[in-house]
Amino acid sequence: MSLTKSTTEILNGTIEAVKGVIPCELQIERPSVTVSPFVLKSLGVLIGLTGDFRGRIIIDGDNQVFGKLGESMFGMFLEGAMLESFSGELGNMIAGNLSTFVSQNGIDIDITPPTVLAGETKLSGFEKALSLPISLQNIGQLTIVLILEI
C-alpha cells in the first residue's frame, strides 16, 4: 500500500471513528499540515499507534469542551479527576474505532494506553503532522492531530 493511500486511510478512519463515538452534530474542517511544536490548549489525550503504521494521535480541546461533551454523553457535566478520566476514555474509544476501521482496509495497527495531558502543553519531536479541526454543535471545538511516522 502506498504512503499516500495509507495516510488517507488513517485520516478517513479517524473521521469515521469520531463520527461513530461522538453523539452530536459535527462539522469536520479541512485537514491542514502543522509543524513541531504543537501547543495543546488546556486538556488533551495522546495515544500511540503501532503496527503497520506508526505514529501518535492527539485529541486537543479545553476543559469546557470536554466537560460539555461528557455531559452530552453521560448526562452530567464533568470536571476534575472525572473530566481527565473521561478525556482518556474518549481518546481510547476514538483510537480503538480508528484501529477497527483501518483493519477492514488491510492496515493492522494497535494502540497504546492513553496519556492525559492537563494544562498548556507543548509537544515537539516531530517534523509534520495533520491537524483536523472538528466543531461540535453547541459544545465547541476539538482538534485531532495525527503525527505519522513515515
N, C-alpha and C. Protein backbone atom coordinates (compact mmCIF):
# COMPACT_ATOMS: atom_id res chain seq x y z
N MET A 1 0.85 -1.17 0.00
CA MET A 1 0.00 0.00 0.00
C MET A 1 0.90 1.24 0.00
N SER A 2 0.60 2.21 -0.83
CA SER A 2 1.43 3.40 -0.94
C SER A 2 1.29 4.27 0.31
N LEU A 3 2.30 5.12 0.51
CA LEU A 3 2.32 6.01 1.66
C LEU A 3 1.12 6.95 1.65
N THR A 4 0.81 7.53 0.50
CA THR A 4 -0.31 8.45 0.40
C THR A 4 -1.62 7.74 0.69
N LYS A 5 -1.78 6.52 0.17
CA LYS A 5 -3.00 5.76 0.41
C LYS A 5 -3.13 5.41 1.89
N SER A 6 -2.03 5.02 2.52
CA SER A 6 -2.06 4.70 3.95
C SER A 6 -2.45 5.92 4.78
N THR A 7 -1.86 7.06 4.47
CA THR A 7 -2.18 8.29 5.19
C THR A 7 -3.65 8.65 5.02
N THR A 8 -4.16 8.50 3.81
CA THR A 8 -5.57 8.77 3.54
C THR A 8 -6.46 7.82 4.33
N GLU A 9 -6.08 6.55 4.40
CA GLU A 9 -6.86 5.57 5.17
C GLU A 9 -6.89 5.93 6.65
N ILE A 10 -5.75 6.36 7.20
CA ILE A 10 -5.69 6.75 8.61
C ILE A 10 -6.55 7.99 8.85
N LEU A 11 -6.47 8.97 7.97
CA LEU A 11 -7.28 10.19 8.11
C LEU A 11 -8.76 9.86 8.00
N ASN A 12 -9.15 9.09 7.00
CA ASN A 12 -10.56 8.70 6.85
C ASN A 12 -11.03 7.87 8.03
N GLY A 13 -10.17 6.98 8.52
CA GLY A 13 -10.52 6.18 9.70
C GLY A 13 -10.74 7.04 10.92
N THR A 14 -9.93 8.08 11.07
CA THR A 14 -10.07 9.00 12.20
C THR A 14 -11.41 9.72 12.12
N ILE A 15 -11.76 10.19 10.94
CA ILE A 15 -13.03 10.89 10.75
C ILE A 15 -14.20 9.96 11.06
N GLU A 16 -14.16 8.74 10.55
CA GLU A 16 -15.24 7.78 10.82
C GLU A 16 -15.31 7.43 12.30
N ALA A 17 -14.15 7.31 12.96
CA ALA A 17 -14.14 6.99 14.39
C ALA A 17 -14.78 8.11 15.19
N VAL A 18 -14.45 9.35 14.87
CA VAL A 18 -15.03 10.49 15.57
C VAL A 18 -16.55 10.51 15.38
N LYS A 19 -16.99 10.30 14.14
CA LYS A 19 -18.44 10.28 13.87
C LYS A 19 -19.13 9.16 14.62
N GLY A 20 -18.46 8.04 14.79
CA GLY A 20 -19.06 6.90 15.48
C GLY A 20 -19.09 7.04 16.99
N VAL A 21 -18.17 7.82 17.55
CA VAL A 21 -18.06 7.91 19.01
C VAL A 21 -18.79 9.12 19.58
N ILE A 22 -18.69 10.26 18.90
CA ILE A 22 -19.25 11.50 19.45
C ILE A 22 -20.70 11.65 18.98
N PRO A 23 -21.65 11.66 19.93
CA PRO A 23 -23.07 11.64 19.58
C PRO A 23 -23.70 13.04 19.42
N CYS A 24 -23.08 13.86 18.61
CA CYS A 24 -23.69 15.17 18.36
C CYS A 24 -23.36 15.59 16.93
N GLU A 25 -23.99 16.67 16.51
CA GLU A 25 -23.77 17.20 15.17
C GLU A 25 -22.33 17.69 15.05
N LEU A 26 -21.62 17.22 14.03
CA LEU A 26 -20.21 17.55 13.84
C LEU A 26 -20.00 18.30 12.54
N GLN A 27 -19.05 19.19 12.55
CA GLN A 27 -18.57 19.82 11.32
C GLN A 27 -17.07 19.56 11.28
N ILE A 28 -16.65 18.71 10.36
CA ILE A 28 -15.24 18.39 10.25
C ILE A 28 -14.62 19.31 9.21
N GLU A 29 -13.65 20.08 9.66
CA GLU A 29 -12.99 21.05 8.79
C GLU A 29 -11.95 20.36 7.92
N ARG A 30 -11.42 21.07 6.97
CA ARG A 30 -10.37 20.57 6.09
C ARG A 30 -9.09 20.37 6.90
N PRO A 31 -8.44 19.20 6.77
CA PRO A 31 -7.18 18.98 7.49
C PRO A 31 -6.08 19.90 6.94
N SER A 32 -5.14 20.22 7.80
CA SER A 32 -4.00 21.03 7.39
C SER A 32 -2.73 20.43 7.98
N VAL A 33 -1.62 20.82 7.43
CA VAL A 33 -0.33 20.35 7.94
C VAL A 33 0.12 21.30 9.03
N THR A 34 0.56 20.76 10.14
CA THR A 34 1.11 21.55 11.22
C THR A 34 2.54 21.07 11.47
N VAL A 35 3.37 21.93 11.99
CA VAL A 35 4.76 21.58 12.24
C VAL A 35 5.04 21.64 13.73
N SER A 36 6.13 21.02 14.12
CA SER A 36 6.56 20.99 15.51
C SER A 36 7.05 22.38 15.91
N PRO A 37 6.77 22.84 17.10
CA PRO A 37 5.99 22.20 18.15
C PRO A 37 4.50 22.48 18.02
N PHE A 38 3.69 21.64 18.64
CA PHE A 38 2.25 21.82 18.71
C PHE A 38 1.92 22.13 20.16
N VAL A 39 1.12 23.17 20.40
CA VAL A 39 0.76 23.55 21.76
C VAL A 39 -0.69 23.18 22.02
N LEU A 40 -0.90 22.31 23.01
CA LEU A 40 -2.25 21.94 23.41
C LEU A 40 -2.82 23.04 24.28
N LYS A 41 -4.14 23.24 24.18
CA LYS A 41 -4.83 24.33 24.88
C LYS A 41 -4.79 24.12 26.40
N SER A 42 -5.64 23.25 26.89
CA SER A 42 -5.69 23.03 28.33
C SER A 42 -5.91 21.58 28.72
N LEU A 43 -6.38 20.77 27.77
CA LEU A 43 -6.60 19.36 28.06
C LEU A 43 -6.45 18.58 26.77
N GLY A 44 -5.77 17.47 26.84
CA GLY A 44 -5.57 16.66 25.65
C GLY A 44 -5.30 15.21 26.00
N VAL A 45 -5.36 14.38 24.98
CA VAL A 45 -5.10 12.96 25.14
C VAL A 45 -4.13 12.55 24.04
N LEU A 46 -3.10 11.80 24.40
CA LEU A 46 -2.13 11.31 23.44
C LEU A 46 -2.17 9.78 23.46
N ILE A 47 -2.31 9.18 22.28
CA ILE A 47 -2.34 7.73 22.15
C ILE A 47 -1.38 7.34 21.03
N GLY A 48 -0.54 6.37 21.30
CA GLY A 48 0.41 5.89 20.30
C GLY A 48 -0.24 4.89 19.36
N LEU A 49 0.24 4.89 18.12
CA LEU A 49 -0.19 3.91 17.11
C LEU A 49 1.02 3.06 16.77
N THR A 50 0.85 1.74 16.80
CA THR A 50 1.93 0.83 16.47
C THR A 50 1.43 -0.18 15.44
N GLY A 51 2.33 -0.95 14.88
CA GLY A 51 1.95 -1.96 13.90
C GLY A 51 2.39 -1.55 12.51
N ASP A 52 1.51 -1.77 11.51
CA ASP A 52 1.84 -1.44 10.12
C ASP A 52 2.08 0.05 9.94
N PHE A 53 1.48 0.85 10.78
CA PHE A 53 1.56 2.29 10.66
C PHE A 53 1.87 2.84 12.04
N ARG A 54 2.96 3.57 12.17
CA ARG A 54 3.37 4.08 13.47
C ARG A 54 3.12 5.58 13.57
N GLY A 55 2.77 6.02 14.75
CA GLY A 55 2.56 7.44 14.97
C GLY A 55 1.85 7.69 16.28
N ARG A 56 1.24 8.86 16.38
CA ARG A 56 0.50 9.25 17.57
C ARG A 56 -0.74 10.01 17.15
N ILE A 57 -1.77 9.87 17.94
CA ILE A 57 -2.99 10.65 17.75
C ILE A 57 -3.18 11.49 19.01
N ILE A 58 -3.47 12.76 18.81
CA ILE A 58 -3.68 13.67 19.92
C ILE A 58 -5.07 14.28 19.76
N ILE A 59 -5.83 14.30 20.83
CA ILE A 59 -7.12 14.97 20.84
C ILE A 59 -6.97 16.17 21.75
N ASP A 60 -7.13 17.36 21.19
CA ASP A 60 -6.86 18.60 21.90
C ASP A 60 -8.14 19.42 22.04
N GLY A 61 -8.38 19.94 23.22
CA GLY A 61 -9.53 20.80 23.45
C GLY A 61 -9.33 21.56 24.74
N ASP A 62 -10.38 22.19 25.20
CA ASP A 62 -10.26 22.82 26.52
C ASP A 62 -11.22 22.12 27.48
N ASN A 63 -11.06 22.44 28.74
CA ASN A 63 -11.85 21.77 29.77
C ASN A 63 -13.35 21.88 29.52
N GLN A 64 -13.80 23.07 29.09
CA GLN A 64 -15.23 23.29 28.84
C GLN A 64 -15.76 22.35 27.76
N VAL A 65 -15.00 22.19 26.68
CA VAL A 65 -15.44 21.34 25.57
C VAL A 65 -15.53 19.88 26.03
N PHE A 66 -14.49 19.39 26.69
CA PHE A 66 -14.54 18.01 27.19
C PHE A 66 -15.65 17.85 28.22
N GLY A 67 -15.85 18.86 29.08
CA GLY A 67 -16.92 18.80 30.09
C GLY A 67 -18.30 18.75 29.46
N LYS A 68 -18.55 19.62 28.47
CA LYS A 68 -19.85 19.62 27.79
C LYS A 68 -20.05 18.33 26.99
N LEU A 69 -19.00 17.82 26.40
CA LEU A 69 -19.11 16.56 25.66
C LEU A 69 -19.46 15.42 26.61
N GLY A 70 -18.82 15.40 27.77
CA GLY A 70 -19.17 14.41 28.79
C GLY A 70 -20.61 14.53 29.22
N GLU A 71 -21.09 15.76 29.34
CA GLU A 71 -22.48 15.99 29.71
C GLU A 71 -23.43 15.46 28.63
N SER A 72 -23.07 15.69 27.36
CA SER A 72 -23.95 15.21 26.28
C SER A 72 -23.95 13.69 26.19
N MET A 73 -22.85 13.06 26.60
CA MET A 73 -22.77 11.60 26.51
C MET A 73 -23.30 10.90 27.76
N PHE A 74 -23.13 11.52 28.94
CA PHE A 74 -23.45 10.85 30.19
C PHE A 74 -24.45 11.59 31.07
N GLY A 75 -24.94 12.75 30.61
CA GLY A 75 -25.98 13.45 31.35
C GLY A 75 -25.51 14.30 32.49
N MET A 76 -24.20 14.45 32.67
CA MET A 76 -23.70 15.32 33.74
C MET A 76 -22.41 15.99 33.31
N PHE A 77 -22.25 17.26 33.69
CA PHE A 77 -21.03 17.99 33.38
C PHE A 77 -19.89 17.40 34.20
N LEU A 78 -18.77 17.15 33.55
CA LEU A 78 -17.64 16.53 34.23
C LEU A 78 -16.56 17.56 34.51
N GLU A 79 -15.89 17.40 35.64
CA GLU A 79 -14.76 18.26 35.97
C GLU A 79 -13.78 17.50 36.86
N GLY A 80 -12.59 18.07 37.04
CA GLY A 80 -11.58 17.47 37.90
C GLY A 80 -11.11 16.12 37.40
N ALA A 81 -10.94 15.19 38.33
CA ALA A 81 -10.44 13.85 38.01
C ALA A 81 -11.37 13.10 37.06
N MET A 82 -12.68 13.31 37.22
CA MET A 82 -13.65 12.64 36.33
C MET A 82 -13.49 13.14 34.90
N LEU A 83 -13.21 14.44 34.74
CA LEU A 83 -13.01 15.01 33.41
C LEU A 83 -11.76 14.42 32.75
N GLU A 84 -10.69 14.31 33.50
CA GLU A 84 -9.46 13.74 32.96
C GLU A 84 -9.66 12.26 32.60
N SER A 85 -10.36 11.53 33.44
CA SER A 85 -10.64 10.13 33.16
C SER A 85 -11.49 9.99 31.90
N PHE A 86 -12.52 10.81 31.80
CA PHE A 86 -13.37 10.80 30.61
C PHE A 86 -12.56 11.12 29.35
N SER A 87 -11.69 12.11 29.43
CA SER A 87 -10.88 12.51 28.28
C SER A 87 -10.03 11.34 27.80
N GLY A 88 -9.41 10.63 28.72
CA GLY A 88 -8.61 9.46 28.36
C GLY A 88 -9.46 8.38 27.71
N GLU A 89 -10.64 8.15 28.26
CA GLU A 89 -11.53 7.13 27.70
C GLU A 89 -12.06 7.54 26.33
N LEU A 90 -12.35 8.82 26.14
CA LEU A 90 -12.77 9.30 24.82
C LEU A 90 -11.66 9.03 23.79
N GLY A 91 -10.43 9.33 24.16
CA GLY A 91 -9.30 9.03 23.28
C GLY A 91 -9.20 7.55 22.96
N ASN A 92 -9.39 6.71 23.97
CA ASN A 92 -9.38 5.26 23.79
C ASN A 92 -10.45 4.81 22.80
N MET A 93 -11.65 5.36 22.94
CA MET A 93 -12.75 4.97 22.06
C MET A 93 -12.48 5.39 20.61
N ILE A 94 -11.98 6.61 20.43
CA ILE A 94 -11.70 7.09 19.07
C ILE A 94 -10.56 6.29 18.45
N ALA A 95 -9.47 6.11 19.18
CA ALA A 95 -8.33 5.36 18.63
C ALA A 95 -8.69 3.89 18.39
N GLY A 96 -9.50 3.30 19.27
CA GLY A 96 -9.93 1.91 19.07
C GLY A 96 -10.79 1.76 17.83
N ASN A 97 -11.71 2.70 17.63
CA ASN A 97 -12.54 2.67 16.43
C ASN A 97 -11.70 2.91 15.17
N LEU A 98 -10.71 3.78 15.26
CA LEU A 98 -9.79 4.01 14.15
C LEU A 98 -9.09 2.71 13.78
N SER A 99 -8.59 2.00 14.78
CA SER A 99 -7.89 0.73 14.55
C SER A 99 -8.80 -0.28 13.87
N THR A 100 -10.04 -0.37 14.31
CA THR A 100 -11.00 -1.29 13.71
C THR A 100 -11.30 -0.90 12.26
N PHE A 101 -11.50 0.39 12.00
CA PHE A 101 -11.82 0.86 10.66
C PHE A 101 -10.70 0.54 9.69
N VAL A 102 -9.46 0.87 10.04
CA VAL A 102 -8.36 0.66 9.09
C VAL A 102 -8.03 -0.82 8.91
N SER A 103 -8.34 -1.64 9.91
CA SER A 103 -8.08 -3.08 9.76
C SER A 103 -8.95 -3.68 8.66
N GLN A 104 -10.13 -3.09 8.45
CA GLN A 104 -11.00 -3.56 7.38
C GLN A 104 -10.45 -3.21 6.01
N ASN A 105 -9.45 -2.32 5.98
CA ASN A 105 -8.82 -1.90 4.74
C ASN A 105 -7.37 -2.38 4.64
N GLY A 106 -7.02 -3.40 5.43
CA GLY A 106 -5.72 -4.03 5.31
C GLY A 106 -4.58 -3.39 6.07
N ILE A 107 -4.87 -2.46 6.98
CA ILE A 107 -3.83 -1.84 7.79
C ILE A 107 -4.00 -2.33 9.23
N ASP A 108 -2.97 -2.96 9.76
CA ASP A 108 -3.03 -3.51 11.11
C ASP A 108 -2.33 -2.56 12.07
N ILE A 109 -3.10 -1.89 12.94
CA ILE A 109 -2.49 -1.04 13.96
C ILE A 109 -3.04 -1.39 15.32
N ASP A 110 -2.21 -1.19 16.31
CA ASP A 110 -2.60 -1.32 17.71
C ASP A 110 -2.45 0.05 18.35
N ILE A 111 -3.08 0.22 19.49
CA ILE A 111 -3.00 1.50 20.19
C ILE A 111 -2.37 1.29 21.56
N THR A 112 -1.72 2.34 22.05
CA THR A 112 -1.16 2.31 23.40
C THR A 112 -2.19 2.89 24.37
N PRO A 113 -2.01 2.66 25.67
CA PRO A 113 -2.91 3.30 26.63
C PRO A 113 -2.84 4.82 26.51
N PRO A 114 -3.94 5.51 26.81
CA PRO A 114 -3.96 6.96 26.67
C PRO A 114 -3.13 7.67 27.73
N THR A 115 -2.52 8.76 27.34
CA THR A 115 -1.85 9.66 28.26
C THR A 115 -2.63 10.96 28.25
N VAL A 116 -3.15 11.36 29.41
CA VAL A 116 -3.92 12.60 29.51
C VAL A 116 -2.94 13.73 29.81
N LEU A 117 -3.06 14.81 29.03
CA LEU A 117 -2.19 15.97 29.18
C LEU A 117 -3.05 17.13 29.68
N ALA A 118 -2.83 17.56 30.94
CA ALA A 118 -3.62 18.63 31.54
C ALA A 118 -2.76 19.89 31.63
N GLY A 119 -3.35 21.02 31.27
CA GLY A 119 -2.63 22.28 31.25
C GLY A 119 -2.03 22.52 29.88
N GLU A 120 -1.60 23.74 29.63
CA GLU A 120 -0.99 24.04 28.34
C GLU A 120 0.28 23.21 28.20
N THR A 121 0.36 22.46 27.11
CA THR A 121 1.47 21.54 26.90
C THR A 121 2.03 21.71 25.51
N LYS A 122 3.34 21.79 25.40
CA LYS A 122 3.99 21.91 24.10
C LYS A 122 4.57 20.55 23.73
N LEU A 123 4.16 20.04 22.56
CA LEU A 123 4.67 18.77 22.06
C LEU A 123 5.62 19.04 20.90
N SER A 124 6.78 18.44 20.95
CA SER A 124 7.74 18.59 19.86
C SER A 124 8.33 17.22 19.56
N GLY A 125 9.31 17.19 18.66
CA GLY A 125 9.95 15.91 18.34
C GLY A 125 9.38 15.26 17.09
N PHE A 126 8.68 16.04 16.29
CA PHE A 126 8.16 15.55 15.02
C PHE A 126 8.32 16.67 14.00
N GLU A 127 8.37 16.29 12.74
CA GLU A 127 8.51 17.30 11.69
C GLU A 127 7.17 17.90 11.30
N LYS A 128 6.26 17.03 10.87
CA LYS A 128 4.96 17.48 10.39
C LYS A 128 3.87 16.57 10.93
N ALA A 129 2.68 17.12 10.99
CA ALA A 129 1.51 16.34 11.42
C ALA A 129 0.29 16.89 10.69
N LEU A 130 -0.76 16.09 10.66
CA LEU A 130 -2.04 16.54 10.12
C LEU A 130 -2.90 17.02 11.28
N SER A 131 -3.47 18.20 11.11
CA SER A 131 -4.35 18.78 12.12
C SER A 131 -5.77 18.79 11.56
N LEU A 132 -6.70 18.22 12.31
CA LEU A 132 -8.08 18.06 11.86
C LEU A 132 -9.01 18.75 12.86
N PRO A 133 -9.43 20.00 12.58
CA PRO A 133 -10.36 20.69 13.48
C PRO A 133 -11.78 20.14 13.33
N ILE A 134 -12.45 19.96 14.47
CA ILE A 134 -13.80 19.43 14.48
C ILE A 134 -14.67 20.33 15.36
N SER A 135 -15.72 20.91 14.78
CA SER A 135 -16.66 21.73 15.54
C SER A 135 -17.82 20.86 15.99
N LEU A 136 -18.11 20.90 17.27
CA LEU A 136 -19.21 20.13 17.87
C LEU A 136 -20.33 21.10 18.18
N GLN A 137 -21.49 20.88 17.57
CA GLN A 137 -22.62 21.80 17.72
C GLN A 137 -22.98 21.98 19.19
N ASN A 138 -23.10 23.24 19.62
CA ASN A 138 -23.47 23.62 20.99
C ASN A 138 -22.44 23.19 22.04
N ILE A 139 -21.25 22.77 21.60
CA ILE A 139 -20.24 22.30 22.55
C ILE A 139 -18.94 23.09 22.39
N GLY A 140 -18.41 23.17 21.18
CA GLY A 140 -17.14 23.85 20.96
C GLY A 140 -16.30 23.10 19.95
N GLN A 141 -14.99 23.28 20.02
CA GLN A 141 -14.11 22.68 19.03
C GLN A 141 -13.06 21.78 19.66
N LEU A 142 -12.84 20.65 19.01
CA LEU A 142 -11.73 19.75 19.30
C LEU A 142 -10.81 19.77 18.08
N THR A 143 -9.55 19.52 18.31
CA THR A 143 -8.62 19.34 17.20
C THR A 143 -7.95 17.99 17.37
N ILE A 144 -7.97 17.22 16.31
CA ILE A 144 -7.27 15.94 16.33
C ILE A 144 -6.00 16.12 15.50
N VAL A 145 -4.89 15.76 16.11
CA VAL A 145 -3.59 15.87 15.45
C VAL A 145 -3.06 14.47 15.23
N LEU A 146 -2.73 14.17 13.97
CA LEU A 146 -2.15 12.87 13.62
C LEU A 146 -0.68 13.07 13.31
N ILE A 147 0.16 12.56 14.18
CA ILE A 147 1.61 12.58 13.96
C ILE A 147 1.96 11.22 13.37
N LEU A 148 2.29 11.21 12.11
CA LEU A 148 2.52 9.95 11.40
C LEU A 148 4.01 9.79 11.14
N GLU A 149 4.58 8.70 11.64
CA GLU A 149 5.99 8.42 11.44
C GLU A 149 6.17 7.71 10.12
N ILE A 150 6.74 8.42 9.18
CA ILE A 150 6.84 7.90 7.83
C ILE A 150 8.29 7.59 7.50
